[in-house]
Amino acid sequence: MGIKFCIDSLKKGFFNLSIDPRQLSESLNSKFISFFKPSCLVKSLTFKKLTRNSNEFILIIGVAKLNGVFESHAWIEKDNKIILNSDPNVDAFKKIFVYE
């Protein structure tokens, strides 16, 4: 069973998982997952997929020019509060993509 099987299984809905979004957010923000160094986009997409694309969680991608360098960032919000991938400069990012 490789990664292709896992992805295909998720697409087909073979797994009936009930995932607590709070625990998922804590897991994706944990120091253990930081060991693998996933990007903010990978973590946000993972969260959105595993919460079955629930409309209460919003995936946002933003861009900014910070200190002359182009930056991008992805995060998850619920009720206008960041619950995944918080960044101290998040207000500097212009939202270019919002997925509910």
C-alpha atoms as a PDB file:
ATOM      1  CA  MET A   1       0.000   0.000   0.000  1.00  0.00           C
ATOM      2  CA  GLY A   2       1.676   3.140  -1.207  1.00  0.00           C
ATOM      3  CA  ILE A   3       0.871   6.812  -1.190  1.00  0.00           C
ATOM      4  CA  LYS A   4      -1.197   6.465  -4.375  1.00  0.00           C
ATOM      5  CA  PHE A   5      -3.497   3.960  -2.642  1.00  0.00           C
ATOM      6  CA  CYS A   6      -3.917   6.322   0.313  1.00  0.00           C
ATOM      7  CA  ILE A   7      -4.739   9.298  -1.895  1.00  0.00           C
ATOM      8  CA  ASP A   8      -7.150   7.278  -4.039  1.00  0.00           C
ATOM      9  CA  SER A   9      -8.834   5.930  -0.901  1.00  0.00           C
ATOM     10  CA  LEU A  10      -9.344   9.435   0.473  1.00  0.00           C
ATOM     11  CA  LYS A  11     -10.821  10.573  -2.842  1.00  0.00           C
ATOM     12  CA  LYS A  12     -13.234   7.645  -2.903  1.00  0.00           C
ATOM     13  CA  GLY A  13     -14.204   8.095   0.723  1.00  0.00           C
ATOM     14  CA  PHE A  14     -13.166   4.612   1.868  1.00  0.00           C
ATOM     15  CA  PHE A  15     -12.252   5.926   5.276  1.00  0.00           C
ATOM     16  CA  ASN A  16     -15.053   7.210   7.459  1.00  0.00           C
ATOM     17  CA  LEU A  17     -12.948   9.239   9.831  1.00  0.00           C
ATOM     18  CA  SER A  18     -14.306  11.578  12.415  1.00  0.00           C
ATOM     19  CA  ILE A  19     -11.605  14.149  13.052  1.00  0.00           C
ATOM     20  CA  ASP A  20     -11.671  16.732  15.807  1.00  0.00           C
ATOM     21  CA  PRO A  21     -10.521  19.977  14.115  1.00  0.00           C
ATOM     22  CA  ARG A  22      -8.948  21.262  17.337  1.00  0.00           C
ATOM     23  CA  GLN A  23      -6.794  18.148  17.693  1.00  0.00           C
ATOM     24  CA  LEU A  24      -5.913  18.238  14.000  1.00  0.00           C
ATOM     25  CA  SER A  25      -4.801  21.863  14.297  1.00  0.00           C
ATOM     26  CA  GLU A  26      -2.691  21.049  17.370  1.00  0.00           C
ATOM     27  CA  SER A  27      -1.125  18.085  15.562  1.00  0.00           C
ATOM     28  CA  LEU A  28      -0.264  20.084  12.450  1.00  0.00           C
ATOM     29  CA  ASN A  29       1.260  22.847  14.620  1.00  0.00           C
ATOM     30  CA  SER A  30       3.212  20.414  16.816  1.00  0.00           C
ATOM     31  CA  LYS A  31       6.995  20.249  17.040  1.00  0.00           C
ATOM     32  CA  PHE A  32       6.871  16.672  15.739  1.00  0.00           C
ATOM     33  CA  ILE A  33       5.386  17.687  12.405  1.00  0.00           C
ATOM     34  CA  SER A  34       7.876  20.583  12.220  1.00  0.00           C
ATOM     35  CA  PHE A  35      10.590  17.927  11.970  1.00  0.00           C
ATOM     36  CA  PHE A  36       9.307  17.147   8.472  1.00  0.00           C
ATOM     37  CA  LYS A  37       9.107  20.877   7.626  1.00  0.00           C
ATOM     38  CA  PRO A  38       5.850  20.889   5.660  1.00  0.00           C
ATOM     39  CA  SER A  39       4.978  24.248   4.141  1.00  0.00           C
ATOM     40  CA  CYS A  40       2.101  26.336   5.410  1.00  0.00           C
ATOM     41  CA  LEU A  41       0.262  25.505   2.190  1.00  0.00           C
ATOM     42  CA  VAL A  42       0.685  21.743   2.690  1.00  0.00           C
ATOM     43  CA  LYS A  43      -0.542  21.966   6.284  1.00  0.00           C
ATOM     44  CA  SER A  44      -3.515  24.146   5.310  1.00  0.00           C
ATOM     45  CA  LEU A  45      -4.548  21.889   2.433  1.00  0.00           C
ATOM     46  CA  THR A  46      -4.190  18.822   4.671  1.00  0.00           C
ATOM     47  CA  PHE A  47      -6.376  20.425   7.321  1.00  0.00           C
ATOM     48  CA  LYS A  48      -9.013  21.441   4.774  1.00  0.00           C
ATOM     49  CA  LYS A  49      -9.086  17.967   3.189  1.00  0.00           C
ATOM     50  CA  LEU A  50      -9.258  16.098   6.506  1.00  0.00           C
ATOM     51  CA  THR A  51     -12.082  18.282   7.797  1.00  0.00           C
ATOM     52  CA  ARG A  52     -14.019  17.228   4.706  1.00  0.00           C
ATOM     53  CA  ASN A  53     -13.879  20.736   3.257  1.00  0.00           C
ATOM     54  CA  SER A  54     -16.159  22.032   6.006  1.00  0.00           C
ATOM     55  CA  ASN A  55     -17.401  25.550   5.270  1.00  0.00           C
ATOM     56  CA  GLU A  56     -16.698  26.693   8.821  1.00  0.00           C
ATOM     57  CA  PHE A  57     -12.940  26.480   8.125  1.00  0.00           C
ATOM     58  CA  ILE A  58     -11.593  28.879   5.516  1.00  0.00           C
ATOM     59  CA  LEU A  59      -8.302  28.350   3.705  1.00  0.00           C
ATOM     60  CA  ILE A  60      -6.625  31.633   2.806  1.00  0.00           C
ATOM     61  CA  ILE A  61      -3.560  32.305   0.685  1.00  0.00           C
ATOM     62  CA  GLY A  62      -1.940  35.719   0.854  1.00  0.00           C
ATOM     63  CA  VAL A  63       1.048  37.503  -0.652  1.00  0.00           C
ATOM     64  CA  ALA A  64       3.208  40.362   0.595  1.00  0.00           C
ATOM     65  CA  LYS A  65       6.464  42.125  -0.039  1.00  0.00           C
ATOM     66  CA  LEU A  66       8.313  42.119   3.283  1.00  0.00           C
ATOM     67  CA  ASN A  67      11.694  43.842   3.491  1.00  0.00           C
ATOM     68  CA  GLY A  68      11.861  43.866  -0.300  1.00  0.00           C
ATOM     69  CA  VAL A  69      11.241  40.111  -0.568  1.00  0.00           C
ATOM     70  CA  PHE A  70       8.116  38.551  -2.094  1.00  0.00           C
ATOM     71  CA  GLU A  71       6.443  36.266   0.457  1.00  0.00           C
ATOM     72  CA  SER A  72       3.390  34.043   0.393  1.00  0.00           C
ATOM     73  CA  HIS A  73       1.542  32.425   3.255  1.00  0.00           C
ATOM     74  CA  ALA A  74      -1.410  30.066   3.725  1.00  0.00           C
ATOM     75  CA  TRP A  75      -3.520  29.720   6.844  1.00  0.00           C
ATOM     76  CA  ILE A  76      -6.854  28.452   8.139  1.00  0.00           C
ATOM     77  CA  GLU A  77      -9.431  30.705   9.797  1.00  0.00           C
ATOM     78  CA  LYS A  78     -12.602  29.989  11.724  1.00  0.00           C
ATOM     79  CA  ASP A  79     -14.869  32.867  12.750  1.00  0.00           C
ATOM     80  CA  ASN A  80     -12.190  35.352  11.562  1.00  0.00           C
ATOM     81  CA  LYS A  81      -9.577  33.848  13.922  1.00  0.00           C
ATOM     82  CA  ILE A  82      -6.482  32.045  12.691  1.00  0.00           C
ATOM     83  CA  ILE A  83      -6.461  28.467  13.964  1.00  0.00           C
ATOM     84  CA  LEU A  84      -3.604  27.113  11.829  1.00  0.00           C
ATOM     85  CA  ASN A  85      -0.346  28.706  10.633  1.00  0.00           C
ATOM     86  CA  SER A  86      -0.515  31.948  12.561  1.00  0.00           C
ATOM     87  CA  ASP A  87       2.101  34.508  11.522  1.00  0.00           C
ATOM     88  CA  PRO A  88       3.003  37.792  13.262  1.00  0.00           C
ATOM     89  CA  ASN A  89       2.975  39.567   9.871  1.00  0.00           C
ATOM     90  CA  VAL A  90      -0.336  38.115   8.684  1.00  0.00           C
ATOM     91  CA  ASP A  91      -1.913  41.574   8.422  1.00  0.00           C
ATOM     92  CA  ALA A  92       0.721  42.513   5.813  1.00  0.00           C
ATOM     93  CA  PHE A  93      -0.485  39.761   3.475  1.00  0.00           C
ATOM     94  CA  LYS A  94      -3.003  40.628   0.784  1.00  0.00           C
ATOM     95  CA  LYS A  95      -5.534  37.818   0.425  1.00  0.00           C
ATOM     96  CA  ILE A  96      -5.427  36.492  -3.131  1.00  0.00           C
ATOM     97  CA  PHE A  97      -7.341  33.227  -2.617  1.00  0.00           C
ATOM     98  CA  VAL A  98     -10.089  32.261  -0.174  1.00  0.00           C
ATOM     99  CA  TYR A  99     -11.560  28.757  -0.134  1.00  0.00           C
ATOM    100  CA  GLU A 100     -14.560  27.969   2.042  1.00  0.00           C
END
